[in-house]
């Protein structure tokens, strides 16, 4: 069975998107090294938050707009939303229940990872105790405002442990969620 891996790039000050969901800052920060290629190869399906699917796109206004990872990945997406579009989207299944979405994404992923995209859906996976790993790149930029990587009013502590990667890229981190 596949595991759930939250995949993202964040600013040095802990934001996944800038004010208003702006992700244009990522265009110059997205990696193309072996770590990115390995992530694409090991990802079998995506579980995506509605906001991420509908607009927080680092490739906005480019030919890669709307393509997962700018077209670098191909597979089935499962979008968690209570407001699916009226017109079907090829390669995308809209689900309203987290557990249903996880089960479908895992079945589609086979023995590969389910890539989790979006701060809110990742927080829901953490709260449900089903997130296995975090794969994170840290971009050399300060945004000052936007969508925090993890926001839990009142605070909470989630223990993580590093997974050795053998990578020489100092911006690349893999962490296991300790249960």
N, C-alpha and C. Protein backbone atom coordinates (compact mmCIF):
# COMPACT_ATOMS: atom_id res chain seq x y z
N UNK A 1 0.85 -1.18 0.00
CA UNK A 1 0.00 0.00 0.00
C UNK A 1 0.89 1.24 0.00
N UNK A 2 0.46 2.27 -0.69
CA UNK A 2 1.24 3.50 -0.79
C UNK A 2 1.07 4.37 0.45
N UNK A 3 2.00 5.27 0.64
CA UNK A 3 1.94 6.20 1.75
C UNK A 3 1.56 7.59 1.26
N UNK A 4 1.13 8.44 2.20
CA UNK A 4 0.79 9.82 1.89
C UNK A 4 2.00 10.70 2.18
N UNK A 5 2.44 11.43 1.17
CA UNK A 5 3.61 12.30 1.29
C UNK A 5 3.21 13.72 0.91
N UNK A 6 3.26 14.62 1.88
CA UNK A 6 2.98 16.03 1.63
C UNK A 6 4.17 16.60 0.90
N UNK A 7 3.97 17.15 -0.29
CA UNK A 7 5.04 17.64 -1.14
C UNK A 7 4.85 19.14 -1.36
N UNK A 8 5.89 19.92 -1.03
CA UNK A 8 5.77 21.37 -1.22
C UNK A 8 7.12 22.06 -1.21
N UNK A 9 7.11 23.28 -1.71
CA UNK A 9 8.22 24.22 -1.58
C UNK A 9 7.71 25.35 -0.73
N UNK A 10 8.54 25.78 0.22
CA UNK A 10 8.14 26.90 1.09
C UNK A 10 9.21 27.98 1.06
N UNK A 11 8.78 29.19 1.39
CA UNK A 11 9.72 30.29 1.55
C UNK A 11 10.48 30.07 2.86
N UNK A 12 11.59 30.75 3.00
CA UNK A 12 12.39 30.62 4.21
C UNK A 12 11.62 31.01 5.47
N UNK A 13 10.62 31.89 5.32
CA UNK A 13 9.81 32.29 6.47
C UNK A 13 8.53 31.47 6.61
N UNK A 14 8.42 30.33 5.93
CA UNK A 14 7.37 29.37 6.20
C UNK A 14 6.06 29.52 5.46
N UNK A 15 6.08 30.13 4.28
CA UNK A 15 4.85 30.29 3.50
C UNK A 15 4.90 29.42 2.25
N UNK A 16 3.76 28.81 1.92
CA UNK A 16 3.63 28.01 0.69
C UNK A 16 3.12 28.86 -0.47
N UNK A 17 2.40 29.91 -0.15
CA UNK A 17 1.89 30.85 -1.15
C UNK A 17 1.97 32.23 -0.53
N UNK A 18 2.13 33.22 -1.38
CA UNK A 18 2.17 34.60 -0.91
C UNK A 18 0.77 35.14 -0.70
N UNK A 19 0.65 36.44 -0.44
CA UNK A 19 -0.66 37.06 -0.24
C UNK A 19 -1.60 36.78 -1.42
N UNK A 20 -2.85 36.47 -1.10
CA UNK A 20 -3.85 36.21 -2.13
C UNK A 20 -3.61 34.92 -2.90
N UNK A 21 -2.78 34.03 -2.37
CA UNK A 21 -2.50 32.76 -3.05
C UNK A 21 -1.44 32.87 -4.13
N UNK A 22 -0.75 34.01 -4.21
CA UNK A 22 0.26 34.20 -5.24
C UNK A 22 1.40 33.20 -5.09
N UNK A 23 1.66 32.48 -6.17
CA UNK A 23 2.77 31.53 -6.16
C UNK A 23 3.78 31.83 -7.27
N UNK A 24 3.70 33.02 -7.85
CA UNK A 24 4.62 33.37 -8.93
C UNK A 24 6.06 33.39 -8.44
N UNK A 25 6.28 33.62 -7.15
CA UNK A 25 7.63 33.63 -6.59
C UNK A 25 8.34 32.28 -6.77
N UNK A 26 7.57 31.22 -6.97
CA UNK A 26 8.15 29.89 -7.13
C UNK A 26 8.78 29.67 -8.50
N UNK A 27 8.40 30.44 -9.50
CA UNK A 27 8.88 30.20 -10.85
C UNK A 27 10.41 30.17 -10.91
N UNK A 28 11.08 31.01 -10.17
CA UNK A 28 12.55 31.00 -10.16
C UNK A 28 13.14 30.10 -9.11
N UNK A 29 12.29 29.46 -8.30
CA UNK A 29 12.77 28.67 -7.17
C UNK A 29 12.53 27.18 -7.31
N UNK A 30 11.78 26.78 -8.32
CA UNK A 30 11.46 25.36 -8.46
C UNK A 30 12.67 24.60 -8.97
N UNK A 31 12.99 23.52 -8.29
CA UNK A 31 14.15 22.73 -8.65
C UNK A 31 13.90 21.82 -9.83
N UNK A 32 14.99 21.45 -10.47
CA UNK A 32 14.91 20.52 -11.60
C UNK A 32 15.94 19.42 -11.46
N UNK A 33 16.47 19.25 -10.27
CA UNK A 33 17.53 18.28 -10.03
C UNK A 33 17.01 16.87 -9.86
N UNK A 34 17.91 15.97 -9.48
CA UNK A 34 17.54 14.56 -9.32
C UNK A 34 16.48 14.33 -8.24
N UNK A 35 16.43 15.19 -7.24
CA UNK A 35 15.43 15.03 -6.17
C UNK A 35 14.02 15.25 -6.71
N UNK A 36 13.88 16.21 -7.60
CA UNK A 36 12.57 16.49 -8.21
C UNK A 36 12.18 15.34 -9.13
N UNK A 37 13.11 14.88 -9.96
CA UNK A 37 12.84 13.76 -10.86
C UNK A 37 12.45 12.52 -10.08
N UNK A 38 13.14 12.26 -8.97
CA UNK A 38 12.82 11.10 -8.13
C UNK A 38 11.42 11.22 -7.53
N UNK A 39 11.07 12.43 -7.10
CA UNK A 39 9.74 12.65 -6.54
C UNK A 39 8.66 12.35 -7.57
N UNK A 40 8.85 12.84 -8.81
CA UNK A 40 7.87 12.59 -9.87
C UNK A 40 7.74 11.09 -10.15
N UNK A 41 8.87 10.39 -10.15
CA UNK A 41 8.86 8.95 -10.42
C UNK A 41 8.16 8.17 -9.31
N UNK A 42 8.31 8.61 -8.08
CA UNK A 42 7.77 7.87 -6.93
C UNK A 42 6.35 8.27 -6.56
N UNK A 43 5.75 9.21 -7.30
CA UNK A 43 4.39 9.68 -7.01
C UNK A 43 3.41 9.05 -8.00
N UNK A 44 2.43 8.30 -7.46
CA UNK A 44 1.47 7.59 -8.30
C UNK A 44 0.16 8.31 -8.50
N UNK A 45 -0.23 9.16 -7.55
CA UNK A 45 -1.46 9.93 -7.67
C UNK A 45 -1.32 11.15 -6.76
N UNK A 46 -2.26 12.08 -6.89
CA UNK A 46 -2.25 13.28 -6.07
C UNK A 46 -3.57 13.44 -5.33
N UNK A 47 -3.48 13.86 -4.07
CA UNK A 47 -4.62 14.29 -3.28
C UNK A 47 -4.44 15.78 -3.10
N UNK A 48 -5.33 16.57 -3.70
CA UNK A 48 -5.13 18.00 -3.84
C UNK A 48 -6.25 18.77 -3.14
N UNK A 49 -5.89 19.84 -2.47
CA UNK A 49 -6.87 20.72 -1.88
C UNK A 49 -7.55 21.56 -2.96
N UNK A 50 -8.77 21.97 -2.70
CA UNK A 50 -9.55 22.73 -3.66
C UNK A 50 -8.88 24.05 -4.05
N UNK A 51 -8.36 24.78 -3.07
CA UNK A 51 -7.73 26.07 -3.37
C UNK A 51 -6.49 25.86 -4.24
N UNK A 52 -5.73 24.84 -3.94
CA UNK A 52 -4.54 24.56 -4.75
C UNK A 52 -4.95 24.20 -6.17
N UNK A 53 -5.97 23.37 -6.31
CA UNK A 53 -6.42 22.96 -7.64
C UNK A 53 -6.96 24.12 -8.45
N UNK A 54 -7.69 25.02 -7.80
CA UNK A 54 -8.40 26.07 -8.54
C UNK A 54 -7.62 27.36 -8.73
N UNK A 55 -6.38 27.44 -8.26
CA UNK A 55 -5.78 28.71 -8.53
C UNK A 55 -4.39 28.98 -7.99
N UNK A 56 -4.01 28.41 -6.87
CA UNK A 56 -2.67 28.68 -6.36
C UNK A 56 -1.69 27.91 -7.24
N UNK A 57 -1.29 28.52 -8.35
CA UNK A 57 -0.50 27.84 -9.37
C UNK A 57 0.76 28.63 -9.67
N UNK A 58 1.94 28.06 -9.37
CA UNK A 58 3.17 28.78 -9.68
C UNK A 58 3.39 28.97 -11.18
N UNK A 59 2.63 28.26 -11.99
CA UNK A 59 2.78 28.37 -13.44
C UNK A 59 1.68 29.22 -14.07
N UNK A 60 0.97 30.02 -13.26
CA UNK A 60 -0.08 30.89 -13.79
C UNK A 60 0.49 31.75 -14.91
N UNK A 61 -0.30 31.92 -15.95
CA UNK A 61 0.06 32.74 -17.10
C UNK A 61 1.25 32.20 -17.89
N UNK A 62 1.48 30.89 -17.80
CA UNK A 62 2.51 30.23 -18.62
C UNK A 62 1.84 29.06 -19.33
N UNK A 63 2.50 28.45 -20.32
CA UNK A 63 1.90 27.29 -20.99
C UNK A 63 1.67 26.10 -20.05
N UNK A 64 2.37 26.05 -18.91
CA UNK A 64 2.21 24.95 -17.98
C UNK A 64 1.10 25.17 -16.95
N UNK A 65 0.37 26.28 -17.05
CA UNK A 65 -0.69 26.58 -16.09
C UNK A 65 -1.68 25.44 -15.99
N UNK A 66 -2.01 25.07 -14.76
CA UNK A 66 -2.99 24.03 -14.51
C UNK A 66 -2.45 22.62 -14.57
N UNK A 67 -1.19 22.48 -14.91
CA UNK A 67 -0.57 21.15 -15.01
C UNK A 67 0.14 20.84 -13.69
N UNK A 68 -0.12 19.67 -13.09
CA UNK A 68 0.60 19.33 -11.86
C UNK A 68 2.11 19.37 -12.08
N UNK A 69 2.77 20.05 -11.19
CA UNK A 69 4.23 20.20 -11.27
C UNK A 69 4.65 20.78 -12.62
N UNK A 70 3.84 21.67 -13.16
CA UNK A 70 4.17 22.33 -14.42
C UNK A 70 4.25 21.39 -15.60
N UNK A 71 3.56 20.25 -15.51
CA UNK A 71 3.59 19.27 -16.58
C UNK A 71 4.65 18.20 -16.38
N UNK A 72 5.37 18.27 -15.27
CA UNK A 72 6.43 17.30 -14.99
C UNK A 72 5.94 15.98 -14.44
N UNK A 73 4.66 15.90 -14.14
CA UNK A 73 4.09 14.67 -13.58
C UNK A 73 2.80 14.36 -14.32
N UNK A 74 2.53 13.08 -14.48
CA UNK A 74 1.31 12.67 -15.14
C UNK A 74 0.65 11.56 -14.33
N UNK A 75 -0.62 11.70 -14.05
CA UNK A 75 -1.35 10.70 -13.28
C UNK A 75 -2.71 11.24 -12.90
N UNK A 76 -3.38 10.51 -12.02
CA UNK A 76 -4.73 10.90 -11.61
C UNK A 76 -4.69 11.78 -10.36
N UNK A 77 -5.55 12.79 -10.36
CA UNK A 77 -5.69 13.69 -9.22
C UNK A 77 -7.04 13.47 -8.55
N UNK A 78 -7.04 13.58 -7.23
CA UNK A 78 -8.26 13.52 -6.44
C UNK A 78 -8.33 14.83 -5.68
N UNK A 79 -9.33 15.64 -5.99
CA UNK A 79 -9.45 16.98 -5.41
C UNK A 79 -10.52 16.96 -4.32
N UNK A 80 -10.12 17.36 -3.13
CA UNK A 80 -11.03 17.42 -1.99
C UNK A 80 -11.79 18.75 -2.02
N UNK A 81 -13.11 18.66 -2.24
CA UNK A 81 -13.93 19.87 -2.34
C UNK A 81 -15.39 19.54 -2.07
N UNK A 82 -16.12 20.54 -1.61
CA UNK A 82 -17.57 20.41 -1.46
C UNK A 82 -18.28 21.07 -2.64
N UNK A 83 -17.51 21.65 -3.55
CA UNK A 83 -18.07 22.35 -4.71
C UNK A 83 -17.40 21.90 -6.00
N UNK A 84 -17.67 20.68 -6.46
CA UNK A 84 -17.04 20.23 -7.70
C UNK A 84 -17.58 21.02 -8.89
N UNK A 85 -16.77 21.16 -9.93
CA UNK A 85 -17.27 21.87 -11.11
C UNK A 85 -18.35 21.06 -11.82
N UNK A 86 -19.18 21.72 -12.56
CA UNK A 86 -20.26 21.04 -13.28
C UNK A 86 -19.72 20.24 -14.46
N UNK A 87 -18.64 20.71 -15.03
CA UNK A 87 -18.04 20.04 -16.18
C UNK A 87 -16.91 19.14 -15.72
N UNK A 88 -16.89 17.88 -16.13
CA UNK A 88 -15.80 16.99 -15.73
C UNK A 88 -14.44 17.49 -16.21
N UNK A 89 -13.41 17.20 -15.44
CA UNK A 89 -12.04 17.57 -15.79
C UNK A 89 -11.29 16.26 -16.02
N UNK A 90 -10.73 16.07 -17.20
CA UNK A 90 -10.02 14.82 -17.48
C UNK A 90 -8.90 14.55 -16.48
N UNK A 91 -8.85 13.32 -15.98
CA UNK A 91 -7.80 12.93 -15.05
C UNK A 91 -8.00 13.39 -13.63
N UNK A 92 -9.18 13.98 -13.34
CA UNK A 92 -9.44 14.52 -12.01
C UNK A 92 -10.76 13.95 -11.49
N UNK A 93 -10.72 13.47 -10.24
CA UNK A 93 -11.92 13.02 -9.55
C UNK A 93 -12.13 13.96 -8.36
N UNK A 94 -13.33 14.47 -8.21
CA UNK A 94 -13.64 15.37 -7.11
C UNK A 94 -14.32 14.57 -6.01
N UNK A 95 -13.81 14.70 -4.79
CA UNK A 95 -14.34 13.97 -3.64
C UNK A 95 -14.63 14.96 -2.52
N UNK A 96 -15.66 14.66 -1.73
CA UNK A 96 -16.02 15.57 -0.65
C UNK A 96 -15.61 15.03 0.72
N UNK A 97 -15.17 13.78 0.77
CA UNK A 97 -14.82 13.15 2.03
C UNK A 97 -13.33 12.80 2.03
N UNK A 98 -12.62 13.22 3.06
CA UNK A 98 -11.18 13.00 3.14
C UNK A 98 -10.83 11.51 3.04
N UNK A 99 -11.47 10.69 3.84
CA UNK A 99 -11.14 9.25 3.85
C UNK A 99 -11.44 8.60 2.49
N UNK A 100 -12.53 9.00 1.88
CA UNK A 100 -12.87 8.49 0.54
C UNK A 100 -11.80 8.89 -0.47
N UNK A 101 -11.37 10.15 -0.39
CA UNK A 101 -10.34 10.65 -1.29
C UNK A 101 -9.01 9.93 -1.09
N UNK A 102 -8.63 9.70 0.16
CA UNK A 102 -7.39 8.98 0.46
C UNK A 102 -7.44 7.57 -0.09
N UNK A 103 -8.55 6.86 0.15
CA UNK A 103 -8.68 5.48 -0.33
C UNK A 103 -8.58 5.42 -1.86
N UNK A 104 -9.25 6.32 -2.53
CA UNK A 104 -9.22 6.33 -4.00
C UNK A 104 -7.83 6.69 -4.51
N UNK A 105 -7.19 7.66 -3.88
CA UNK A 105 -5.84 8.07 -4.30
C UNK A 105 -4.84 6.96 -4.07
N UNK A 106 -4.95 6.26 -2.94
CA UNK A 106 -4.04 5.14 -2.67
C UNK A 106 -4.24 4.02 -3.69
N UNK A 107 -5.49 3.72 -4.02
CA UNK A 107 -5.76 2.67 -5.01
C UNK A 107 -5.15 3.05 -6.36
N UNK A 108 -5.26 4.31 -6.74
CA UNK A 108 -4.71 4.77 -8.01
C UNK A 108 -3.19 4.80 -8.00
N UNK A 109 -2.59 5.05 -6.83
CA UNK A 109 -1.14 5.17 -6.73
C UNK A 109 -0.43 3.83 -6.78
N UNK A 110 -1.14 2.76 -6.47
CA UNK A 110 -0.50 1.45 -6.43
C UNK A 110 0.55 1.41 -5.33
N UNK A 111 1.78 1.05 -5.67
CA UNK A 111 2.83 0.97 -4.66
C UNK A 111 3.65 2.27 -4.57
N UNK A 112 3.18 3.32 -5.22
CA UNK A 112 3.86 4.61 -5.18
C UNK A 112 3.19 5.53 -4.15
N UNK A 113 3.80 6.70 -3.94
CA UNK A 113 3.25 7.68 -3.00
C UNK A 113 2.00 8.35 -3.55
N UNK A 114 1.14 8.75 -2.63
CA UNK A 114 0.09 9.71 -2.92
C UNK A 114 0.71 11.06 -2.54
N UNK A 115 0.89 11.94 -3.51
CA UNK A 115 1.41 13.27 -3.23
C UNK A 115 0.28 14.15 -2.73
N UNK A 116 0.45 14.71 -1.55
CA UNK A 116 -0.56 15.60 -0.96
C UNK A 116 -0.15 17.03 -1.27
N UNK A 117 -1.06 17.80 -1.89
CA UNK A 117 -0.78 19.18 -2.27
C UNK A 117 -1.80 20.10 -1.63
N UNK A 118 -1.32 21.09 -0.92
CA UNK A 118 -2.20 22.08 -0.30
C UNK A 118 -2.11 22.05 1.21
N UNK A 119 -2.00 23.23 1.82
CA UNK A 119 -1.85 23.34 3.27
C UNK A 119 -3.06 22.80 4.03
N UNK A 120 -4.25 23.10 3.56
CA UNK A 120 -5.45 22.70 4.29
C UNK A 120 -5.65 21.19 4.24
N UNK A 121 -5.52 20.59 3.07
CA UNK A 121 -5.72 19.14 2.97
C UNK A 121 -4.61 18.41 3.73
N UNK A 122 -3.40 18.95 3.73
CA UNK A 122 -2.32 18.33 4.50
C UNK A 122 -2.59 18.41 6.00
N UNK A 123 -3.11 19.55 6.45
CA UNK A 123 -3.45 19.69 7.87
C UNK A 123 -4.53 18.68 8.25
N UNK A 124 -5.52 18.50 7.38
CA UNK A 124 -6.56 17.51 7.64
C UNK A 124 -5.98 16.10 7.73
N UNK A 125 -5.03 15.78 6.86
CA UNK A 125 -4.38 14.47 6.90
C UNK A 125 -3.59 14.29 8.20
N UNK A 126 -2.91 15.35 8.64
CA UNK A 126 -2.18 15.29 9.91
C UNK A 126 -3.14 15.07 11.07
N UNK A 127 -4.22 15.83 11.09
CA UNK A 127 -5.20 15.71 12.18
C UNK A 127 -5.84 14.32 12.21
N UNK A 128 -6.01 13.71 11.03
CA UNK A 128 -6.61 12.38 10.95
C UNK A 128 -5.58 11.28 11.24
N UNK A 129 -4.32 11.66 11.37
CA UNK A 129 -3.26 10.68 11.67
C UNK A 129 -2.90 9.78 10.50
N UNK A 130 -3.08 10.28 9.26
CA UNK A 130 -2.83 9.43 8.09
C UNK A 130 -1.66 9.90 7.23
N UNK A 131 -1.07 11.05 7.54
CA UNK A 131 0.07 11.52 6.75
C UNK A 131 1.32 10.77 7.19
N UNK A 132 2.07 10.23 6.23
CA UNK A 132 3.26 9.45 6.53
C UNK A 132 4.55 10.26 6.46
N UNK A 133 4.67 11.11 5.46
CA UNK A 133 5.92 11.84 5.23
C UNK A 133 5.66 13.27 4.78
N UNK A 134 6.72 14.06 4.92
CA UNK A 134 6.75 15.41 4.37
C UNK A 134 8.00 15.50 3.49
N UNK A 135 7.81 15.96 2.27
CA UNK A 135 8.91 16.23 1.36
C UNK A 135 8.88 17.73 1.10
N UNK A 136 9.98 18.40 1.44
CA UNK A 136 9.96 19.87 1.44
C UNK A 136 11.22 20.41 0.79
N UNK A 137 11.04 21.43 -0.03
CA UNK A 137 12.15 22.23 -0.54
C UNK A 137 11.99 23.61 0.08
N UNK A 138 13.09 24.22 0.47
CA UNK A 138 13.07 25.56 1.05
C UNK A 138 13.66 26.52 0.03
N UNK A 139 12.85 27.48 -0.40
CA UNK A 139 13.28 28.45 -1.40
C UNK A 139 13.96 29.63 -0.72
N UNK A 140 15.00 30.17 -1.32
CA UNK A 140 15.72 31.29 -0.73
C UNK A 140 15.00 32.62 -0.98
N UNK A 141 13.85 32.77 -0.33
CA UNK A 141 13.05 33.99 -0.47
C UNK A 141 12.27 34.19 0.83
N UNK A 142 12.03 35.43 1.18
CA UNK A 142 11.17 35.78 2.33
C UNK A 142 9.92 36.44 1.76
N UNK A 143 8.75 35.95 2.14
CA UNK A 143 7.50 36.49 1.63
C UNK A 143 6.79 37.41 2.63
N UNK A 144 6.92 37.14 3.92
CA UNK A 144 6.33 38.00 4.93
C UNK A 144 4.84 37.80 5.19
N UNK A 145 4.12 37.19 4.27
CA UNK A 145 2.69 36.98 4.44
C UNK A 145 2.23 35.95 3.41
N UNK A 146 1.07 35.37 3.67
CA UNK A 146 0.50 34.41 2.72
C UNK A 146 -0.07 33.19 3.42
N UNK A 147 0.01 32.06 2.76
CA UNK A 147 -0.49 30.80 3.29
C UNK A 147 0.64 30.08 4.01
N UNK A 148 0.50 29.95 5.32
CA UNK A 148 1.52 29.27 6.11
C UNK A 148 1.56 27.79 5.76
N UNK A 149 2.73 27.21 5.89
CA UNK A 149 2.88 25.78 5.65
C UNK A 149 1.96 25.01 6.59
N UNK A 150 2.02 25.34 7.87
CA UNK A 150 1.17 24.65 8.85
C UNK A 150 0.66 25.69 9.82
N UNK A 151 -0.64 25.76 9.93
CA UNK A 151 -1.27 26.73 10.82
C UNK A 151 -2.34 25.99 11.62
N UNK A 152 -2.18 26.00 12.93
CA UNK A 152 -3.14 25.33 13.81
C UNK A 152 -3.40 26.26 14.99
N UNK A 153 -4.47 27.08 14.91
CA UNK A 153 -4.76 28.03 15.99
C UNK A 153 -4.78 27.33 17.35
N UNK A 154 -4.11 27.92 18.30
CA UNK A 154 -3.99 27.33 19.62
C UNK A 154 -2.76 26.44 19.74
N UNK A 155 -2.18 26.13 18.60
CA UNK A 155 -0.95 25.35 18.58
C UNK A 155 -1.17 23.85 18.70
N UNK A 156 -0.22 23.13 18.23
CA UNK A 156 -0.16 21.68 18.35
C UNK A 156 1.26 21.27 18.05
N UNK A 157 1.65 20.14 18.54
CA UNK A 157 3.00 19.65 18.28
C UNK A 157 2.90 18.32 17.54
N UNK A 158 3.60 18.25 16.43
CA UNK A 158 3.65 17.02 15.65
C UNK A 158 5.12 16.66 15.51
N UNK A 159 5.49 15.52 16.04
CA UNK A 159 6.88 15.09 16.00
C UNK A 159 7.23 14.57 14.61
N UNK A 160 8.40 14.98 14.13
CA UNK A 160 8.91 14.57 12.84
C UNK A 160 10.33 14.06 13.02
N UNK A 161 10.75 13.14 12.16
CA UNK A 161 12.14 12.71 12.17
C UNK A 161 12.67 12.73 10.75
N UNK A 162 13.93 13.13 10.62
CA UNK A 162 14.56 13.21 9.31
C UNK A 162 14.72 11.83 8.69
N UNK A 163 14.55 11.80 7.40
CA UNK A 163 14.82 10.60 6.61
C UNK A 163 16.10 10.90 5.82
N UNK A 164 17.15 10.14 6.02
CA UNK A 164 18.38 10.39 5.25
C UNK A 164 18.10 10.28 3.75
N UNK A 165 18.60 11.24 2.99
CA UNK A 165 18.33 11.26 1.55
C UNK A 165 19.57 11.02 0.70
N UNK A 166 20.73 11.29 1.25
CA UNK A 166 21.95 11.19 0.46
C UNK A 166 22.10 12.33 -0.53
N UNK A 167 21.21 13.29 -0.48
CA UNK A 167 21.23 14.42 -1.40
C UNK A 167 22.22 15.48 -0.90
N UNK A 168 22.87 16.13 -1.85
CA UNK A 168 23.74 17.25 -1.49
C UNK A 168 23.00 18.59 -1.58
N UNK A 169 21.73 18.56 -1.95
CA UNK A 169 20.92 19.77 -2.07
C UNK A 169 20.48 20.22 -0.68
N UNK A 170 20.99 21.36 -0.18
CA UNK A 170 20.64 21.80 1.18
C UNK A 170 19.20 22.28 1.33
N UNK A 171 18.49 22.45 0.22
CA UNK A 171 17.10 22.91 0.30
C UNK A 171 16.11 21.76 0.37
N UNK A 172 16.58 20.52 0.22
CA UNK A 172 15.73 19.34 0.10
C UNK A 172 15.69 18.60 1.43
N UNK A 173 14.46 18.33 1.91
CA UNK A 173 14.28 17.65 3.20
C UNK A 173 13.15 16.64 3.11
N UNK A 174 13.39 15.45 3.68
CA UNK A 174 12.32 14.46 3.83
C UNK A 174 12.19 14.16 5.32
N UNK A 175 10.95 14.13 5.78
CA UNK A 175 10.67 13.92 7.20
C UNK A 175 9.56 12.88 7.35
N UNK A 176 9.69 12.03 8.33
CA UNK A 176 8.67 11.03 8.64
C UNK A 176 7.82 11.58 9.80
N UNK A 177 6.52 11.40 9.70
CA UNK A 177 5.62 11.79 10.79
C UNK A 177 5.69 10.69 11.86
N UNK A 178 6.07 11.07 13.07
CA UNK A 178 6.18 10.12 14.16
C UNK A 178 4.81 9.93 14.79
N UNK A 179 4.40 8.69 14.90
CA UNK A 179 3.07 8.42 15.49
C UNK A 179 3.25 7.74 16.81
